[in-house]
């Protein structure tokens, strides 16, 4: 996000605390499989930086380290970054394991 810009309103009203992380993940949108960088993660969602522009409402399947693919919906998009909300929140212990690289 450019200096001076504010986060989209959706991201200002988070359901859970986000954690900074820099990890590559695979994701699938329709039949396309790509790799993205995770910039932050919480129990309820994830912020991705990818090579394609995702649109609000897109459904993606994320392959997080050590976990089965997880369905998420894009709730905001700004150029090549997107905020996605998980259909089912991560358990806090799983989030800690991802952040501290104990799984994957």
N, C-alpha and C. Protein backbone atom coordinates (compact mmCIF):
# COMPACT_ATOMS: atom_id res chain seq x y z
N UNK A 1 0.85 -1.17 0.00
CA UNK A 1 0.00 0.00 0.00
C UNK A 1 0.90 1.23 0.00
N UNK A 2 0.59 2.22 -0.79
CA UNK A 2 1.40 3.41 -0.92
C UNK A 2 1.38 4.23 0.37
N UNK A 3 2.46 4.96 0.61
CA UNK A 3 2.53 5.82 1.79
C UNK A 3 1.38 6.81 1.78
N UNK A 4 0.80 7.00 2.92
CA UNK A 4 -0.30 7.95 3.04
C UNK A 4 -1.67 7.36 2.78
N UNK A 5 -1.74 6.16 2.18
CA UNK A 5 -3.03 5.53 1.94
C UNK A 5 -3.49 4.85 3.21
N UNK A 6 -4.78 4.82 3.42
CA UNK A 6 -5.32 4.09 4.56
C UNK A 6 -5.77 2.72 4.10
N UNK A 7 -5.84 1.80 5.04
CA UNK A 7 -6.30 0.46 4.71
C UNK A 7 -7.78 0.50 4.36
N UNK A 8 -8.21 -0.40 3.48
CA UNK A 8 -9.64 -0.47 3.18
C UNK A 8 -10.43 -0.68 4.47
N UNK A 9 -11.64 -0.14 4.52
CA UNK A 9 -12.47 -0.21 5.71
C UNK A 9 -12.65 -1.63 6.23
N UNK A 10 -12.77 -2.58 5.32
CA UNK A 10 -12.94 -3.98 5.73
C UNK A 10 -11.77 -4.41 6.61
N UNK A 11 -10.55 -4.01 6.24
CA UNK A 11 -9.38 -4.43 6.99
C UNK A 11 -9.26 -3.68 8.31
N UNK A 12 -9.88 -2.53 8.44
CA UNK A 12 -9.84 -1.79 9.69
C UNK A 12 -10.76 -2.43 10.73
N UNK A 13 -11.69 -3.23 10.29
CA UNK A 13 -12.67 -3.87 11.18
C UNK A 13 -12.38 -5.37 11.28
N UNK A 14 -11.15 -5.72 11.57
CA UNK A 14 -10.74 -7.12 11.63
C UNK A 14 -11.43 -7.87 12.76
N UNK A 15 -11.64 -9.16 12.52
CA UNK A 15 -12.21 -10.03 13.53
C UNK A 15 -11.16 -10.54 14.50
N UNK A 16 -9.90 -10.58 14.05
CA UNK A 16 -8.81 -11.06 14.91
C UNK A 16 -7.51 -10.36 14.54
N UNK A 17 -6.57 -10.36 15.47
CA UNK A 17 -5.29 -9.70 15.28
C UNK A 17 -4.50 -10.32 14.14
N UNK A 18 -3.94 -9.48 13.30
CA UNK A 18 -3.13 -10.01 12.20
C UNK A 18 -1.68 -10.13 12.65
N UNK A 19 -0.98 -11.07 12.02
CA UNK A 19 0.43 -11.32 12.34
C UNK A 19 1.23 -11.18 11.06
N UNK A 20 2.30 -10.42 11.11
CA UNK A 20 3.18 -10.25 9.94
C UNK A 20 3.90 -11.57 9.69
N UNK A 21 3.99 -11.91 8.42
CA UNK A 21 4.65 -13.14 8.01
C UNK A 21 5.07 -12.98 6.55
N UNK A 22 6.11 -13.65 6.17
CA UNK A 22 6.54 -13.63 4.77
C UNK A 22 6.77 -15.08 4.35
N UNK A 23 5.76 -15.66 3.74
CA UNK A 23 5.85 -17.06 3.32
C UNK A 23 5.15 -17.21 1.97
N UNK A 24 5.69 -18.07 1.14
CA UNK A 24 5.07 -18.35 -0.16
C UNK A 24 3.99 -19.42 0.04
N UNK A 25 2.88 -19.25 -0.64
CA UNK A 25 1.80 -20.24 -0.62
C UNK A 25 1.33 -20.47 -2.05
N UNK A 26 0.73 -21.61 -2.26
CA UNK A 26 0.08 -21.89 -3.53
C UNK A 26 -1.40 -21.61 -3.35
N UNK A 27 -2.02 -21.14 -4.42
CA UNK A 27 -3.47 -20.96 -4.38
C UNK A 27 -4.05 -21.31 -5.74
N UNK A 28 -5.34 -21.62 -5.70
CA UNK A 28 -6.04 -21.97 -6.92
C UNK A 28 -7.28 -21.09 -7.02
N UNK A 29 -7.49 -20.55 -8.19
CA UNK A 29 -8.69 -19.77 -8.50
C UNK A 29 -9.25 -20.37 -9.77
N UNK A 30 -10.45 -20.92 -9.67
CA UNK A 30 -11.04 -21.70 -10.76
C UNK A 30 -10.08 -22.84 -11.08
N UNK A 31 -9.49 -22.87 -12.27
CA UNK A 31 -8.56 -23.96 -12.59
C UNK A 31 -7.10 -23.50 -12.58
N UNK A 32 -6.88 -22.22 -12.39
CA UNK A 32 -5.53 -21.66 -12.41
C UNK A 32 -4.85 -21.86 -11.05
N UNK A 33 -3.63 -22.39 -11.08
CA UNK A 33 -2.84 -22.57 -9.86
C UNK A 33 -1.65 -21.62 -9.91
N UNK A 34 -1.47 -20.84 -8.85
CA UNK A 34 -0.41 -19.84 -8.80
C UNK A 34 0.27 -19.84 -7.43
N UNK A 35 1.35 -19.08 -7.35
CA UNK A 35 2.06 -18.89 -6.09
C UNK A 35 1.90 -17.43 -5.69
N UNK A 36 1.74 -17.20 -4.37
CA UNK A 36 1.60 -15.85 -3.85
C UNK A 36 2.44 -15.71 -2.58
N UNK A 37 2.69 -14.48 -2.22
CA UNK A 37 3.39 -14.16 -0.98
C UNK A 37 2.34 -13.77 0.07
N UNK A 38 2.42 -14.38 1.24
CA UNK A 38 1.54 -13.98 2.34
C UNK A 38 2.26 -12.87 3.09
N UNK A 39 1.61 -11.73 3.24
CA UNK A 39 2.19 -10.60 3.96
C UNK A 39 1.73 -10.53 5.41
N UNK A 40 0.53 -10.97 5.67
CA UNK A 40 0.07 -11.12 7.04
C UNK A 40 -1.06 -12.13 7.08
N UNK A 41 -1.31 -12.62 8.28
CA UNK A 41 -2.30 -13.67 8.47
C UNK A 41 -2.94 -13.50 9.84
N UNK A 42 -4.19 -13.91 9.94
CA UNK A 42 -4.89 -13.95 11.22
C UNK A 42 -5.72 -15.22 11.23
N UNK A 43 -6.39 -15.47 12.32
CA UNK A 43 -7.26 -16.65 12.38
C UNK A 43 -8.36 -16.58 11.34
N UNK A 44 -8.77 -15.36 10.96
CA UNK A 44 -9.92 -15.19 10.06
C UNK A 44 -9.57 -14.88 8.61
N UNK A 45 -8.29 -14.57 8.32
CA UNK A 45 -7.99 -14.22 6.95
C UNK A 45 -6.52 -14.05 6.68
N UNK A 46 -6.24 -13.60 5.46
CA UNK A 46 -4.87 -13.54 4.97
C UNK A 46 -4.76 -12.41 3.96
N UNK A 47 -3.58 -11.78 3.90
CA UNK A 47 -3.32 -10.77 2.87
C UNK A 47 -2.28 -11.34 1.92
N UNK A 48 -2.63 -11.40 0.65
CA UNK A 48 -1.77 -11.98 -0.38
C UNK A 48 -1.22 -10.92 -1.31
N UNK A 49 -0.01 -11.15 -1.78
CA UNK A 49 0.55 -10.39 -2.90
C UNK A 49 0.80 -11.41 -4.00
N UNK A 50 0.16 -11.21 -5.14
CA UNK A 50 0.26 -12.21 -6.22
C UNK A 50 0.60 -11.56 -7.54
N UNK A 51 0.81 -12.40 -8.53
CA UNK A 51 1.15 -11.92 -9.87
C UNK A 51 -0.09 -11.57 -10.69
N UNK A 52 -1.25 -11.85 -10.15
CA UNK A 52 -2.49 -11.51 -10.85
C UNK A 52 -3.35 -10.63 -9.96
N UNK A 53 -4.26 -9.93 -10.59
CA UNK A 53 -5.18 -9.09 -9.83
C UNK A 53 -6.39 -9.92 -9.45
N UNK A 54 -6.58 -10.08 -8.17
CA UNK A 54 -7.79 -10.75 -7.69
C UNK A 54 -8.88 -9.71 -7.53
N UNK A 55 -10.12 -10.13 -7.65
CA UNK A 55 -11.25 -9.21 -7.54
C UNK A 55 -12.09 -9.57 -6.32
N UNK A 56 -12.71 -8.55 -5.75
CA UNK A 56 -13.61 -8.76 -4.62
C UNK A 56 -14.66 -9.80 -5.03
N UNK A 57 -14.84 -10.80 -4.16
CA UNK A 57 -15.80 -11.86 -4.43
C UNK A 57 -15.20 -13.11 -5.03
N UNK A 58 -13.96 -13.03 -5.54
CA UNK A 58 -13.30 -14.23 -6.06
C UNK A 58 -13.15 -15.26 -4.94
N UNK A 59 -13.29 -16.52 -5.30
CA UNK A 59 -13.06 -17.63 -4.38
C UNK A 59 -11.69 -18.20 -4.70
N UNK A 60 -10.87 -18.37 -3.67
CA UNK A 60 -9.55 -18.97 -3.83
C UNK A 60 -9.41 -20.13 -2.85
N UNK A 61 -8.63 -21.11 -3.24
CA UNK A 61 -8.27 -22.23 -2.38
C UNK A 61 -6.80 -22.08 -2.05
N UNK A 62 -6.48 -21.83 -0.78
CA UNK A 62 -5.12 -21.58 -0.34
C UNK A 62 -4.50 -22.84 0.25
N UNK A 63 -3.28 -23.13 -0.15
CA UNK A 63 -2.52 -24.24 0.44
C UNK A 63 -1.51 -23.66 1.41
N UNK A 64 -1.92 -23.55 2.67
CA UNK A 64 -1.04 -23.03 3.71
C UNK A 64 -0.08 -24.13 4.15
N UNK A 65 1.09 -23.77 4.65
CA UNK A 65 2.08 -24.78 5.04
C UNK A 65 1.51 -25.83 6.00
N UNK A 66 1.63 -27.09 5.60
CA UNK A 66 1.22 -28.20 6.45
C UNK A 66 -0.27 -28.45 6.59
N UNK A 67 -1.10 -27.71 5.84
CA UNK A 67 -2.55 -27.85 5.95
C UNK A 67 -3.17 -28.24 4.62
N UNK A 68 -4.35 -28.83 4.70
CA UNK A 68 -5.14 -29.10 3.50
C UNK A 68 -5.56 -27.76 2.89
N UNK A 69 -5.84 -27.72 1.59
CA UNK A 69 -6.31 -26.46 0.99
C UNK A 69 -7.52 -25.90 1.72
N UNK A 70 -7.53 -24.59 1.88
CA UNK A 70 -8.56 -23.89 2.65
C UNK A 70 -9.23 -22.87 1.76
N UNK A 71 -10.56 -22.87 1.76
CA UNK A 71 -11.34 -21.94 0.93
C UNK A 71 -11.40 -20.56 1.58
N UNK A 72 -11.23 -19.53 0.74
CA UNK A 72 -11.32 -18.15 1.22
C UNK A 72 -11.95 -17.29 0.13
N UNK A 73 -12.52 -16.18 0.55
CA UNK A 73 -13.17 -15.23 -0.36
C UNK A 73 -12.40 -13.92 -0.32
N UNK A 74 -12.13 -13.35 -1.49
CA UNK A 74 -11.46 -12.05 -1.56
C UNK A 74 -12.46 -10.98 -1.11
N UNK A 75 -12.09 -10.23 -0.05
CA UNK A 75 -12.98 -9.19 0.47
C UNK A 75 -12.53 -7.79 0.07
N UNK A 76 -11.28 -7.65 -0.32
CA UNK A 76 -10.79 -6.38 -0.88
C UNK A 76 -9.59 -6.66 -1.78
N UNK A 77 -9.36 -5.76 -2.70
CA UNK A 77 -8.25 -5.92 -3.63
C UNK A 77 -7.71 -4.54 -3.98
N UNK A 78 -6.38 -4.44 -4.02
CA UNK A 78 -5.72 -3.19 -4.39
C UNK A 78 -4.50 -3.55 -5.24
N UNK A 79 -4.65 -3.40 -6.53
CA UNK A 79 -3.63 -3.79 -7.50
C UNK A 79 -3.32 -5.27 -7.37
N UNK A 80 -2.13 -5.62 -6.92
CA UNK A 80 -1.74 -7.03 -6.84
C UNK A 80 -1.74 -7.57 -5.41
N UNK A 81 -2.43 -6.87 -4.53
CA UNK A 81 -2.63 -7.35 -3.16
C UNK A 81 -4.10 -7.59 -2.94
N UNK A 82 -4.39 -8.58 -2.09
CA UNK A 82 -5.80 -8.88 -1.81
C UNK A 82 -5.93 -9.39 -0.38
N UNK A 83 -7.02 -9.01 0.25
CA UNK A 83 -7.37 -9.52 1.57
C UNK A 83 -8.44 -10.59 1.39
N UNK A 84 -8.19 -11.75 1.99
CA UNK A 84 -9.10 -12.88 1.85
C UNK A 84 -9.59 -13.33 3.22
N UNK A 85 -10.86 -13.68 3.30
CA UNK A 85 -11.45 -14.16 4.55
C UNK A 85 -11.67 -15.66 4.43
N UNK A 86 -11.15 -16.43 5.41
CA UNK A 86 -11.34 -17.87 5.42
C UNK A 86 -12.80 -18.21 5.67
N UNK A 87 -13.31 -19.25 5.02
CA UNK A 87 -14.65 -19.74 5.32
C UNK A 87 -14.71 -20.25 6.76
N UNK A 88 -13.67 -20.95 7.17
CA UNK A 88 -13.56 -21.49 8.53
C UNK A 88 -12.29 -20.91 9.15
N UNK A 89 -12.40 -20.22 10.28
CA UNK A 89 -11.20 -19.63 10.89
C UNK A 89 -10.16 -20.68 11.28
N UNK A 90 -8.91 -20.26 11.30
CA UNK A 90 -7.83 -21.12 11.78
C UNK A 90 -7.90 -21.19 13.31
N UNK A 91 -7.55 -22.32 13.86
CA UNK A 91 -7.41 -22.43 15.31
C UNK A 91 -6.18 -21.60 15.70
N UNK A 92 -6.21 -20.89 16.82
CA UNK A 92 -5.06 -20.06 17.22
C UNK A 92 -3.75 -20.85 17.30
N UNK A 93 -3.79 -22.11 17.72
CA UNK A 93 -2.56 -22.92 17.79
C UNK A 93 -2.00 -23.19 16.39
N UNK A 94 -2.87 -23.38 15.40
CA UNK A 94 -2.43 -23.58 14.02
C UNK A 94 -1.80 -22.29 13.49
N UNK A 95 -2.43 -21.16 13.79
CA UNK A 95 -1.88 -19.87 13.38
C UNK A 95 -0.48 -19.68 13.97
N UNK A 96 -0.32 -19.95 15.26
CA UNK A 96 0.99 -19.83 15.89
C UNK A 96 2.02 -20.74 15.22
N UNK A 97 1.62 -21.96 14.90
CA UNK A 97 2.53 -22.91 14.25
C UNK A 97 2.97 -22.41 12.87
N UNK A 98 2.05 -21.81 12.12
CA UNK A 98 2.40 -21.26 10.80
C UNK A 98 3.36 -20.08 10.96
N UNK A 99 3.03 -19.18 11.86
CA UNK A 99 3.85 -17.98 12.06
C UNK A 99 5.25 -18.34 12.54
N UNK A 100 5.35 -19.33 13.39
CA UNK A 100 6.65 -19.72 13.93
C UNK A 100 7.30 -20.85 13.15
N UNK A 101 6.73 -21.17 11.97
CA UNK A 101 7.26 -22.18 11.05
C UNK A 101 7.44 -23.55 11.68
N UNK A 102 6.50 -23.94 12.55
CA UNK A 102 6.58 -25.25 13.18
C UNK A 102 5.87 -26.32 12.37
N UNK A 103 5.14 -25.89 11.32
CA UNK A 103 4.53 -26.87 10.42
C UNK A 103 4.90 -26.49 9.00
N UNK A 104 4.80 -27.44 8.11
CA UNK A 104 5.05 -27.13 6.71
C UNK A 104 6.32 -27.74 6.26
